[in-house]
Structure formats: C-alpha cells, structure tokens
PDB file of N, CA and C in Angstrom:
ATOM      1  N   MET A   1     102.844 123.499 118.634  1.00  0.00           N
ATOM      2  CA  MET A   1     101.548 122.633 119.185  1.00  0.00           C
ATOM      3  C   MET A   1     102.354 121.426 119.497  1.00  0.00           C
ATOM      4  N   LEU A   2     103.242 120.798 119.065  1.00  0.00           N
ATOM      5  CA  LEU A   2     103.827 119.761 119.616  1.00  0.00           C
ATOM      6  C   LEU A   2     104.269 120.008 120.892  1.00  0.00           C
ATOM      7  N   ARG A   3     104.711 121.194 121.443  1.00  0.00           N
ATOM      8  CA  ARG A   3     105.810 121.358 122.031  1.00  0.00           C
ATOM      9  C   ARG A   3     104.429 122.010 123.576  1.00  0.00           C
ATOM     10  N   ALA A   4     103.746 122.629 123.172  1.00  0.00           N
ATOM     11  CA  ALA A   4     102.721 122.840 124.186  1.00  0.00           C
ATOM     12  C   ALA A   4     101.924 121.718 124.561  1.00  0.00           C
ATOM     13  N   ARG A   5     101.791 120.210 123.940  1.00  0.00           N
ATOM     14  CA  ARG A   5     100.776 119.302 124.127  1.00  0.00           C
ATOM     15  C   ARG A   5     102.135 118.653 125.063  1.00  0.00           C
ATOM     16  N   ARG A   6     103.513 118.418 124.287  1.00  0.00           N
ATOM     17  CA  ARG A   6     104.253 117.591 125.371  1.00  0.00           C
ATOM     18  C   ARG A   6     104.118 117.927 126.824  1.00  0.00           C
ATOM     19  N   THR A   7     103.505 118.807 127.693  1.00  0.00           N
ATOM     20  CA  THR A   7     103.687 119.489 128.664  1.00  0.00           C
ATOM     21  C   THR A   7     102.323 118.825 129.150  1.00  0.00           C
ATOM     22  N   THR A   8     100.999 118.689 128.801  1.00  0.00           N
ATOM     23  CA  THR A   8      99.773 118.295 129.016  1.00  0.00           C
ATOM     24  C   THR A   8      99.494 116.842 128.994  1.00  0.00           C
ATOM     25  N   GLY A   9     100.550 116.002 127.958  1.00  0.00           N
ATOM     26  CA  GLY A   9     100.365 114.490 128.577  1.00  0.00           C
ATOM     27  C   GLY A   9     101.660 114.364 127.277  1.00  0.00           C
ATOM     28  N   PRO A  10     101.049 112.791 127.314  1.00  0.00           N
ATOM     29  CA  PRO A  10     102.060 112.294 126.509  1.00  0.00           C
ATOM     30  C   PRO A  10     102.109 112.093 125.314  1.00  0.00           C
ATOM     31  N   LEU A  11     102.870 112.091 124.478  1.00  0.00           N
ATOM     32  CA  LEU A  11     102.407 112.167 123.098  1.00  0.00           C
ATOM     33  C   LEU A  11     102.304 110.471 122.505  1.00  0.00           C
ATOM     34  N   ALA A  12     101.874 110.414 121.295  1.00  0.00           N
ATOM     35  CA  ALA A  12     101.703 108.861 120.863  1.00  0.00           C
ATOM     36  C   ALA A  12     102.221 109.076 119.117  1.00  0.00           C
ATOM     37  N   THR A  13     102.454 107.811 118.944  1.00  0.00           N
ATOM     38  CA  THR A  13     101.966 107.313 117.740  1.00  0.00           C
ATOM     39  C   THR A  13     101.785 106.277 116.989  1.00  0.00           C
ATOM     40  N   SER A  14     101.243 105.828 115.899  1.00  0.00           N
ATOM     41  CA  SER A  14     100.861 104.954 115.262  1.00  0.00           C
ATOM     42  C   SER A  14     102.423 103.814 114.816  1.00  0.00           C
ATOM     43  N   ALA A  15     101.894 102.423 115.374  1.00  0.00           N
ATOM     44  CA  ALA A  15     103.340 101.572 114.759  1.00  0.00           C
ATOM     45  C   ALA A  15     103.455 101.393 113.121  1.00  0.00           C
ATOM     46  N   LEU A  16     102.684 101.806 112.446  1.00  0.00           N
ATOM     47  CA  LEU A  16     102.939 102.066 111.077  1.00  0.00           C
ATOM     48  C   LEU A  16     103.807 103.417 111.085  1.00  0.00           C
ATOM     49  N   SER A  17     103.597 104.843 111.751  1.00  0.00           N
ATOM     50  CA  SER A  17     104.699 105.853 111.395  1.00  0.00           C
ATOM     51  C   SER A  17     106.032 105.309 111.505  1.00  0.00           C
ATOM     52  N   VAL A  18     105.979 104.215 112.832  1.00  0.00           N
ATOM     53  CA  VAL A  18     107.830 103.954 113.039  1.00  0.00           C
ATOM     54  C   VAL A  18     107.989 103.001 112.032  1.00  0.00           C
ATOM     55  N   VAL A  19     107.468 102.346 111.049  1.00  0.00           N
ATOM     56  CA  VAL A  19     107.957 101.732 110.375  1.00  0.00           C
ATOM     57  C   VAL A  19     107.941 102.645 109.074  1.00  0.00           C
ATOM     58  N   GLU A  20     107.696 103.488 108.492  1.00  0.00           N
ATOM     59  CA  GLU A  20     107.867 104.450 107.857  1.00  0.00           C
ATOM     60  C   GLU A  20     109.043 105.311 108.599  1.00  0.00           C
ATOM     61  N   VAL A  21     109.073 105.576 109.004  1.00  0.00           N
ATOM     62  CA  VAL A  21     110.101 106.355 109.632  1.00  0.00           C
ATOM     63  C   VAL A  21     111.652 105.797 109.906  1.00  0.00           C
ATOM     64  N   ALA A  22     111.528 104.483 110.709  1.00  0.00           N
ATOM     65  CA  ALA A  22     112.553 103.540 110.653  1.00  0.00           C
ATOM     66  C   ALA A  22     113.122 102.948 109.294  1.00  0.00           C
ATOM     67  N   GLY A  23     112.384 102.519 108.507  1.00  0.00           N
ATOM     68  CA  GLY A  23     112.470 102.032 107.148  1.00  0.00           C
ATOM     69  C   GLY A  23     113.150 102.850 105.888  1.00  0.00           C
ATOM     70  N   GLY A  24     113.260 104.501 106.640  1.00  0.00           N
ATOM     71  CA  GLY A  24     113.702 104.756 105.693  1.00  0.00           C
ATOM     72  C   GLY A  24     115.040 105.902 106.040  1.00  0.00           C
ATOM     73  N   MET A  25     114.847 105.848 107.130  1.00  0.00           N
ATOM     74  CA  MET A  25     116.620 106.217 107.883  1.00  0.00           C
ATOM     75  C   MET A  25     117.516 105.528 107.835  1.00  0.00           C
ATOM     76  N   PRO A  26     118.836 106.575 107.769  1.00  0.00           N
ATOM     77  CA  PRO A  26     120.286 106.149 107.534  1.00  0.00           C
ATOM     78  C   PRO A  26     120.654 105.576 108.939  1.00  0.00           C
ATOM     79  N   SER A  27     121.696 104.603 108.844  1.00  0.00           N
ATOM     80  CA  SER A  27     121.303 103.773 110.105  1.00  0.00           C
ATOM     81  C   SER A  27     122.432 104.237 111.151  1.00  0.00           C
ATOM     82  N   GLN A  28     123.089 105.124 110.979  1.00  0.00           N
ATOM     83  CA  GLN A  28     123.642 106.372 111.812  1.00  0.00           C
ATOM     84  C   GLN A  28     122.482 107.285 112.927  1.00  0.00           C
ATOM     85  N   GLU A  29     121.466 106.764 112.111  1.00  0.00           N
ATOM     86  CA  GLU A  29     120.487 107.967 112.891  1.00  0.00           C
ATOM     87  C   GLU A  29     119.829 106.993 113.656  1.00  0.00           C
ATOM     88  N   ARG A  30     119.646 105.528 113.996  1.00  0.00           N
ATOM     89  CA  ARG A  30     118.825 104.733 114.662  1.00  0.00           C
ATOM     90  C   ARG A  30     118.720 104.640 116.086  1.00  0.00           C
ATOM     91  N   ARG A  31     120.064 104.963 116.754  1.00  0.00           N
ATOM     92  CA  ARG A  31     119.743 105.115 118.083  1.00  0.00           C
ATOM     93  C   ARG A  31     119.178 106.425 118.544  1.00  0.00           C
ATOM     94  N   GLU A  32     119.217 107.639 117.637  1.00  0.00           N
ATOM     95  CA  GLU A  32     118.674 108.602 118.435  1.00  0.00           C
ATOM     96  C   GLU A  32     117.430 108.114 118.079  1.00  0.00           C
ATOM     97  N   VAL A  33     117.073 107.864 116.712  1.00  0.00           N
ATOM     98  CA  VAL A  33     115.584 107.549 116.204  1.00  0.00           C
ATOM     99  C   VAL A  33     114.449 107.015 117.604  1.00  0.00           C
ATOM    100  N   GLY A  34     115.458 105.848 117.385  1.00  0.00           N
ATOM    101  CA  GLY A  34     115.235 104.598 118.563  1.00  0.00           C
ATOM    102  C   GLY A  34     114.588 105.563 120.017  1.00  0.00           C
ATOM    103  N   ARG A  35     115.582 106.189 120.429  1.00  0.00           N
ATOM    104  CA  ARG A  35     115.331 106.565 121.722  1.00  0.00           C
ATOM    105  C   ARG A  35     114.224 107.676 121.695  1.00  0.00           C
ATOM    106  N   LEU A  36     113.672 108.621 120.732  1.00  0.00           N
ATOM    107  CA  LEU A  36     113.093 109.404 120.652  1.00  0.00           C
ATOM    108  C   LEU A  36     111.731 108.618 120.343  1.00  0.00           C
ATOM    109  N   PHE A  37     111.352 107.189 119.912  1.00  0.00           N
ATOM    110  CA  PHE A  37     109.965 106.569 119.350  1.00  0.00           C
ATOM    111  C   PHE A  37     110.169 105.984 120.911  1.00  0.00           C
ATOM    112  N   ALA A  38     110.833 105.276 121.791  1.00  0.00           N
ATOM    113  CA  ALA A  38     110.543 104.813 122.906  1.00  0.00           C
ATOM    114  C   ALA A  38     110.084 105.999 124.135  1.00  0.00           C
ATOM    115  N   SER A  39     110.225 107.300 123.429  1.00  0.00           N
ATOM    116  CA  SER A  39     109.268 107.970 124.283  1.00  0.00           C
ATOM    117  C   SER A  39     108.210 107.818 124.194  1.00  0.00           C
ATOM    118  N   LEU A  40     107.864 107.402 122.943  1.00  0.00           N
ATOM    119  CA  LEU A  40     106.087 107.760 122.875  1.00  0.00           C
ATOM    120  C   LEU A  40     105.316 106.662 123.152  1.00  0.00           C
ATOM    121  N   ARG A  41     104.183 106.949 123.188  1.00  0.00           N
ATOM    122  CA  ARG A  41     103.590 105.344 123.335  1.00  0.00           C
ATOM    123  C   ARG A  41     103.144 105.109 121.803  1.00  0.00           C
ATOM    124  N   THR A  42     102.805 104.220 121.273  1.00  0.00           N
ATOM    125  CA  THR A  42     102.989 102.993 120.302  1.00  0.00           C
ATOM    126  C   THR A  42     101.848 102.781 120.215  1.00  0.00           C
ATOM    127  N   PHE A  43     100.472 103.076 119.187  1.00  0.00           N
ATOM    128  CA  PHE A  43      99.468 102.220 119.335  1.00  0.00           C
ATOM    129  C   PHE A  43      99.286 101.179 118.122  1.00  0.00           C
ATOM    130  N   PRO A  44      98.969 100.242 118.628  1.00  0.00           N
ATOM    131  CA  PRO A  44      98.978  98.811 117.308  1.00  0.00           C
ATOM    132  C   PRO A  44      98.308  99.127 115.973  1.00  0.00           C
ATOM    133  N   ALA A  45      98.731  98.934 115.145  1.00  0.00           N
ATOM    134  CA  ALA A  45      97.524  98.934 114.098  1.00  0.00           C
ATOM    135  C   ALA A  45      97.033  97.128 113.997  1.00  0.00           C
ATOM    136  N   ASN A  46      95.431  97.313 114.736  1.00  0.00           N
ATOM    137  CA  ASN A  46      94.796  96.606 115.209  1.00  0.00           C
ATOM    138  C   ASN A  46      93.561  96.271 114.281  1.00  0.00           C
ATOM    139  N   ASP A  47      93.042  95.408 114.179  1.00  0.00           N
ATOM    140  CA  ASP A  47      91.614  94.763 113.722  1.00  0.00           C
ATOM    141  C   ASP A  47      90.691  96.166 113.336  1.00  0.00           C
ATOM    142  N   ARG A  48      90.476  97.037 114.536  1.00  0.00           N
ATOM    143  CA  ARG A  48      89.157  98.051 114.982  1.00  0.00           C
ATOM    144  C   ARG A  48      89.941  98.932 114.092  1.00  0.00           C
ATOM    145  N   VAL A  49      91.417  99.370 113.756  1.00  0.00           N
ATOM    146  CA  VAL A  49      91.983 100.507 113.115  1.00  0.00           C
ATOM    147  C   VAL A  49      91.938 100.057 111.281  1.00  0.00           C
ATOM    148  N   ALA A  50      92.390  98.304 111.153  1.00  0.00           N
ATOM    149  CA  ALA A  50      92.161  98.087 109.999  1.00  0.00           C
ATOM    150  C   ALA A  50      90.911  98.659 109.529  1.00  0.00           C
ATOM    151  N   TRP A  51      89.432  98.403 109.767  1.00  0.00           N
ATOM    152  CA  TRP A  51      88.726  98.143 109.677  1.00  0.00           C
ATOM    153  C   TRP A  51      87.951 100.036 109.441  1.00  0.00           C
ATOM    154  N   ARG A  52      88.422 101.037 110.387  1.00  0.00           N
ATOM    155  CA  ARG A  52      88.039 102.036 110.100  1.00  0.00           C
ATOM    156  C   ARG A  52      89.175 102.521 108.850  1.00  0.00           C
ATOM    157  N   ALA A  53      90.265 102.426 109.020  1.00  0.00           N
ATOM    158  CA  ALA A  53      91.194 102.973 107.793  1.00  0.00           C
ATOM    159  C   ALA A  53      90.716 102.410 106.575  1.00  0.00           C
ATOM    160  N   ALA A  54      89.869 101.250 106.292  1.00  0.00           N
ATOM    161  CA  ALA A  54      89.156 100.920 105.139  1.00  0.00           C
ATOM    162  C   ALA A  54      87.706 102.079 104.904  1.00  0.00           C
ATOM    163  N   GLU A  55      87.284 102.316 105.738  1.00  0.00           N
ATOM    164  CA  GLU A  55      86.253 103.277 105.820  1.00  0.00           C
ATOM    165  C   GLU A  55      86.897 104.650 105.169  1.00  0.00           C
ATOM    166  N   LEU A  56      87.991 104.756 105.769  1.00  0.00           N
ATOM    167  CA  LEU A  56      88.434 106.271 105.272  1.00  0.00           C
ATOM    168  C   LEU A  56      88.595 106.413 104.041  1.00  0.00           C
ATOM    169  N   MET A  57      89.435 105.042 103.715  1.00  0.00           N
ATOM    170  CA  MET A  57      90.005 104.799 102.146  1.00  0.00           C
ATOM    171  C   MET A  57      88.783 105.083 101.119  1.00  0.00           C
ATOM    172  N   ARG A  58      87.357 104.523 101.442  1.00  0.00           N
ATOM    173  CA  ARG A  58      86.409 104.551 100.547  1.00  0.00           C
ATOM    174  C   ARG A  58      85.712 105.626 100.692  1.00  0.00           C
ATOM    175  N   ALA A  59      85.829 106.177 101.642  1.00  0.00           N
ATOM    176  CA  ALA A  59      85.421 107.733 101.413  1.00  0.00           C
ATOM    177  C   ALA A  59      86.224 108.734 101.019  1.00  0.00           C
ATOM    178  N   TYR A  60      87.824 108.861 100.682  1.00  0.00           N
ATOM    179  CA  TYR A  60      88.099 109.922 100.234  1.00  0.00           C
ATOM    180  C   TYR A  60      88.945 109.443  99.055  1.00  0.00           C
ATOM    181  N   ARG A  61      89.235 107.935  98.883  1.00  0.00           N
ATOM    182  CA  ARG A  61      90.254 107.511  97.757  1.00  0.00           C
ATOM    183  C   ARG A  61      89.770 108.168  96.537  1.00  0.00           C
ATOM    184  N   ARG A  62      88.692 108.735  96.203  1.00  0.00           N
ATOM    185  CA  ARG A  62      88.069 109.412  94.568  1.00  0.00           C
ATOM    186  C   ARG A  62      88.675 110.908  94.341  1.00  0.00           C
ATOM    187  N   SER A  63      88.224 111.876  95.892  1.00  0.00           N
ATOM    188  CA  SER A  63      88.887 112.924  95.946  1.00  0.00           C
ATOM    189  C   SER A  63      90.120 113.208  96.275  1.00  0.00           C
ATOM    190  N   HIS A  64      90.530 112.137  96.633  1.00  0.00           N
ATOM    191  CA  HIS A  64      92.086 112.338  97.296  1.00  0.00           C
ATOM    192  C   HIS A  64      92.894 111.419  97.061  1.00  0.00           C
ATOM    193  N   SER A  65      93.059 111.432  95.742  1.00  0.00           N
ATOM    194  CA  SER A  65      93.758 110.531  95.041  1.00  0.00           C
ATOM    195  C   SER A  65      95.580 109.990  95.615  1.00  0.00           C
ATOM    196  N   GLY A  66      96.045 111.002  96.309  1.00  0.00           N
ATOM    197  CA  GLY A  66      97.359 111.085  96.573  1.00  0.00           C
ATOM    198  C   GLY A  66      97.500 110.938  98.328  1.00  0.00           C
ATOM    199  N   VAL A  67      96.622 110.088  98.881  1.00  0.00           N
ATOM    200  CA  VAL A  67      96.459 109.891  99.868  1.00  0.00           C
ATOM    201  C   VAL A  67      96.926 108.010  99.939  1.00  0.00           C
ATOM    202  N   GLY A  68      97.549 107.816 101.030  1.00  0.00           N
ATOM    203  CA  GLY A  68      98.436 106.623 100.549  1.00  0.00           C
ATOM    204  C   GLY A  68      97.828 105.629 101.934  1.00  0.00           C
ATOM    205  N   LEU A  69      98.233 104.420 101.658  1.00  0.00           N
ATOM    206  CA  LEU A  69      97.470 103.321 102.636  1.00  0.00           C
ATOM    207  C   LEU A  69      97.724 103.451 104.002  1.00  0.00           C
ATOM    208  N   GLY A  70      99.546 104.135 104.356  1.00  0.00           N
ATOM    209  CA  GLY A  70      99.569 104.098 105.377  1.00  0.00           C
ATOM    210  C   GLY A  70      99.109 105.611 106.247  1.00  0.00           C
ATOM    211  N   ASP A  71      98.741 106.536 105.768  1.00  0.00           N
ATOM    212  CA  ASP A  71      98.195 107.762 105.517  1.00  0.00           C
ATOM    213  C   ASP A  71      96.401 107.574 106.721  1.00  0.00           C
ATOM    214  N   TYR A  72      96.220 106.461 105.849  1.00  0.00           N
ATOM    215  CA  TYR A  72      94.563 106.028 106.193  1.00  0.00           C
ATOM    216  C   TYR A  72      94.610 105.676 107.385  1.00  0.00           C
ATOM    217  N   VAL A  73      95.990 104.447 108.129  1.00  0.00           N
ATOM    218  CA  VAL A  73      95.893 103.636 108.762  1.00  0.00           C
ATOM    219  C   VAL A  73      96.116 104.901 110.009  1.00  0.00           C
ATOM    220  N   VAL A  74      97.557 105.891 109.743  1.00  0.00           N
ATOM    221  CA  VAL A  74      97.813 106.586 110.520  1.00  0.00           C
ATOM    222  C   VAL A  74      96.412 107.103 110.908  1.00  0.00           C
ATOM    223  N   ALA A  75      95.545 107.713 110.051  1.00  0.00           N
ATOM    224  CA  ALA A  75      94.141 109.223 110.202  1.00  0.00           C
ATOM    225  C   ALA A  75      93.341 107.805 111.161  1.00  0.00           C
ATOM    226  N   ALA A  76      93.136 106.999 111.091  1.00  0.00           N
ATOM    227  CA  ALA A  76      92.247 105.746 111.684  1.00  0.00           C
ATOM    228  C   ALA A  76      92.550 105.492 112.911  1.00  0.00           C
ATOM    229  N   THR A  77      93.972 105.538 113.224  1.00  0.00           N
ATOM    230  CA  THR A  77      94.560 105.213 114.408  1.00  0.00           C
ATOM    231  C   THR A  77      94.558 106.289 115.287  1.00  0.00           C
ATOM    232  N   ALA A  78      94.621 107.478 115.190  1.00  0.00           N
ATOM    233  CA  ALA A  78      94.656 108.844 115.580  1.00  0.00           C
ATOM    234  C   ALA A  78      92.698 108.980 116.197  1.00  0.00           C
ATOM    235  N   LEU A  79      92.417 108.699 115.124  1.00  0.00           N
ATOM    236  CA  LEU A  79      90.815 108.561 114.995  1.00  0.00           C
ATOM    237  C   LEU A  79      89.949 107.859 116.255  1.00  0.00           C
ATOM    238  N   ILE A  80      90.523 106.406 116.241  1.00  0.00           N
ATOM    239  CA  ILE A  80      90.346 105.609 117.622  1.00  0.00           C
ATOM    240  C   ILE A  80      90.764 105.866 118.473  1.00  0.00           C
ATOM    241  N   GLU A  81      91.636 106.250 118.835  1.00  0.00           N
ATOM    242  CA  GLU A  81      92.310 106.384 120.314  1.00  0.00           C
ATOM    243  C   GLU A  81      92.542 108.064 120.355  1.00  0.00           C
ATOM    244  N   GLY A  82      91.568 108.643 119.866  1.00  0.00           N
ATOM    245  CA  GLY A  82      91.266 109.612 120.982  1.00  0.00           C
ATOM    246  C   GLY A  82      92.259 111.018 120.396  1.00  0.00           C
ATOM    247  N   CYS A  83      93.359 111.052 119.524  1.00  0.00           N
ATOM    248  CA  CYS A  83      94.689 111.404 119.601  1.00  0.00           C
ATOM    249  C   CYS A  83      94.298 112.873 118.882  1.00  0.00           C
ATOM    250  N   GLU A  84      94.764 113.975 119.000  1.00  0.00           N
ATOM    251  CA  GLU A  84      95.006 114.840 117.887  1.00  0.00           C
ATOM    252  C   GLU A  84      96.298 114.585 116.471  1.00  0.00           C
ATOM    253  N   LEU A  85      96.001 114.646 115.375  1.00  0.00           N
ATOM    254  CA  LEU A  85      96.837 114.050 114.731  1.00  0.00           C
ATOM    255  C   LEU A  85      97.849 115.395 114.525  1.00  0.00           C
ATOM    256  N   ALA A  86      99.158 115.283 114.385  1.00  0.00           N
ATOM    257  CA  ALA A  86     100.242 115.932 113.684  1.00  0.00           C
ATOM    258  C   ALA A  86     100.733 115.779 112.594  1.00  0.00           C
ATOM    259  N   THR A  87     101.042 116.426 111.496  1.00  0.00           N
ATOM    260  CA  THR A  87     101.961 116.273 110.190  1.00  0.00           C
ATOM    261  C   THR A  87     102.347 117.499 109.887  1.00  0.00           C
ATOM    262  N   LEU A  88     103.637 117.244 108.873  1.00  0.00           N
ATOM    263  CA  LEU A  88     103.808 118.009 107.952  1.00  0.00           C
ATOM    264  C   LEU A  88     103.212 117.969 106.687  1.00  0.00           C
ATOM    265  N   ASN A  89     102.345 116.975 106.671  1.00  0.00           N
ATOM    266  CA  ASN A  89     101.878 116.458 105.264  1.00  0.00           C
ATOM    267  C   ASN A  89     100.027 116.595 105.377  1.00  0.00           C
ATOM    268  N   VAL A  90      99.754 117.471 105.954  1.00  0.00           N
ATOM    269  CA  VAL A  90      98.427 117.767 105.644  1.00  0.00           C
ATOM    270  C   VAL A  90      97.257 117.517 104.546  1.00  0.00           C
ATOM    271  N   ARG A  91      98.114 117.759 103.670  1.00  0.00           N
ATOM    272  CA  ARG A  91      97.040 117.559 102.555  1.00  0.00           C
ATOM    273  C   ARG A  91      96.817 115.842 102.377  1.00  0.00           C
ATOM    274  N   HIS A  92      97.673 115.034 102.914  1.00  0.00           N
ATOM    275  CA  HIS A  92      96.914 113.720 102.671  1.00  0.00           C
ATOM    276  C   HIS A  92      96.263 113.468 104.258  1.00  0.00           C
ATOM    277  N   PHE A  93      95.696 114.309 104.984  1.00  0.00           N
ATOM    278  CA  PHE A  93      94.686 114.081 105.706  1.00  0.00           C
ATOM    279  C   PHE A  93      92.985 114.856 105.691  1.00  0.00           C
ATOM    280  N   PRO A  94      92.742 114.898 104.717  1.00  0.00           N
ATOM    281  CA  PRO A  94      91.375 115.520 104.452  1.00  0.00           C
ATOM    282  C   PRO A  94      90.586 115.176 105.610  1.00  0.00           C
ATOM    283  N   MET A  95      90.632 114.053 106.071  1.00  0.00           N
ATOM    284  CA  MET A  95      89.555 113.455 107.082  1.00  0.00           C
ATOM    285  C   MET A  95      89.702 114.434 108.245  1.00  0.00           C
ATOM    286  N   PHE A  96      90.808 115.337 108.594  1.00  0.00           N
ATOM    287  CA  PHE A  96      90.769 116.654 109.867  1.00  0.00           C
ATOM    288  C   PHE A  96      90.669 117.539 109.109  1.00  0.00           C
ATOM    289  N   PRO A  97      89.360 118.274 109.231  1.00  0.00           N
ATOM    290  CA  PRO A  97      89.426 119.474 108.617  1.00  0.00           C
ATOM    291  C   PRO A  97      89.925 120.462 109.426  1.00  0.00           C
ATOM    292  N   GLY A  98      90.381 121.289 108.945  1.00  0.00           N
ATOM    293  CA  GLY A  98      91.600 122.801 109.417  1.00  0.00           C
ATOM    294  C   GLY A  98      92.517 121.942 109.859  1.00  0.00           C
ATOM    295  N   LEU A  99      93.407 120.644 109.390  1.00  0.00           N
ATOM    296  CA  LEU A  99      94.830 120.404 110.194  1.00  0.00           C
ATOM    297  C   LEU A  99      95.459 121.376 109.688  1.00  0.00           C
ATOM    298  N   GLN A 100      96.442 121.880 110.755  1.00  0.00           N
ATOM    299  CA  GLN A 100      97.463 122.784 109.985  1.00  0.00           C
ATOM    300  C   GLN A 100      98.645 122.012 110.814  1.00  0.00           C
ATOM    301  N   PRO A 101     100.039 122.746 109.897  1.00  0.00           N
ATOM    302  CA  PRO A 101     101.642 121.874 110.201  1.00  0.00           C
ATOM    303  C   PRO A 101     101.630 122.087 112.166  1.00  0.00           C
ATOM    304  N   PRO A 102     102.180 121.229 112.976  1.00  0.00           N
ATOM    305  CA  PRO A 102     102.399 121.812 113.841  1.00  0.00           C
ATOM    306  C   PRO A 102     103.346 122.671 114.210  1.00  0.00           C
ATOM    307  N   PHE A 103     104.365 122.635 113.481  1.00  0.00           N
ATOM    308  CA  PHE A 103     105.228 123.901 114.001  1.00  0.00           C
ATOM    309  C   PHE A 103     104.728 125.205 112.812  1.00  0.00           C
ATOM    310  N   SER A 104     103.880 125.800 112.925  1.00  0.00           N
ATOM    311  CA  SER A 104     103.866 126.835 112.194  1.00  0.00           C
ATOM    312  C   SER A 104     103.195 128.084 113.248  1.00  0.00           C
TER     313      SER A 104
END
C-alpha cells in the first residue's frame, strides 16, 4: 500500500507521530529518521484536530479502552486532512472500518 501511494502523491504524517517516533528512538538513528520525516508532509495538531480527536474519544473510549490519546489525534488528523491512514496497529483505529496494515 505505501509503496503504491508513494508514486501517486506525497506521504504525510501527524506532528504527534513525529513526537512518538522521535521520542522513542535511539540517538544513533536520529539522522536517518530525521531524513525520513523531512520527506513527509507534517500536519500540525491544531484546534480543529483537537476538537475532532475529542469527538472520536467520546465515541470510542468505552468500547475501545486500548486507544490512546495519541491515536485519537492521529486519527483526527487523517480525517480532517483527507488522508488515508497507514498503521501496523489497526486495533487502535476502530474509527476506520476495514483498516488493514500497510504491508499485508
């Protein structure tokens, strides 16, 4: 999926995803991961995203307790920006019915 999308348009990420990845990576990987993120369009977590994330949280928090705050923000970003979500952790994104991992 991701390889095909790379040829049809730019790939993008949420600012929150940058924080999640960069915050957990070893320092020796910073340069390479920094280059990867520099090649992506990064969408900010603005007030529209925050309000949409709150709506998603209200809708799914009782039925999907494993979904974290970051997941709601990433989902809201994809929905607002009209992006197709790609994740290996499809269980955390019930708001995207039928979501499949990008490398399946």
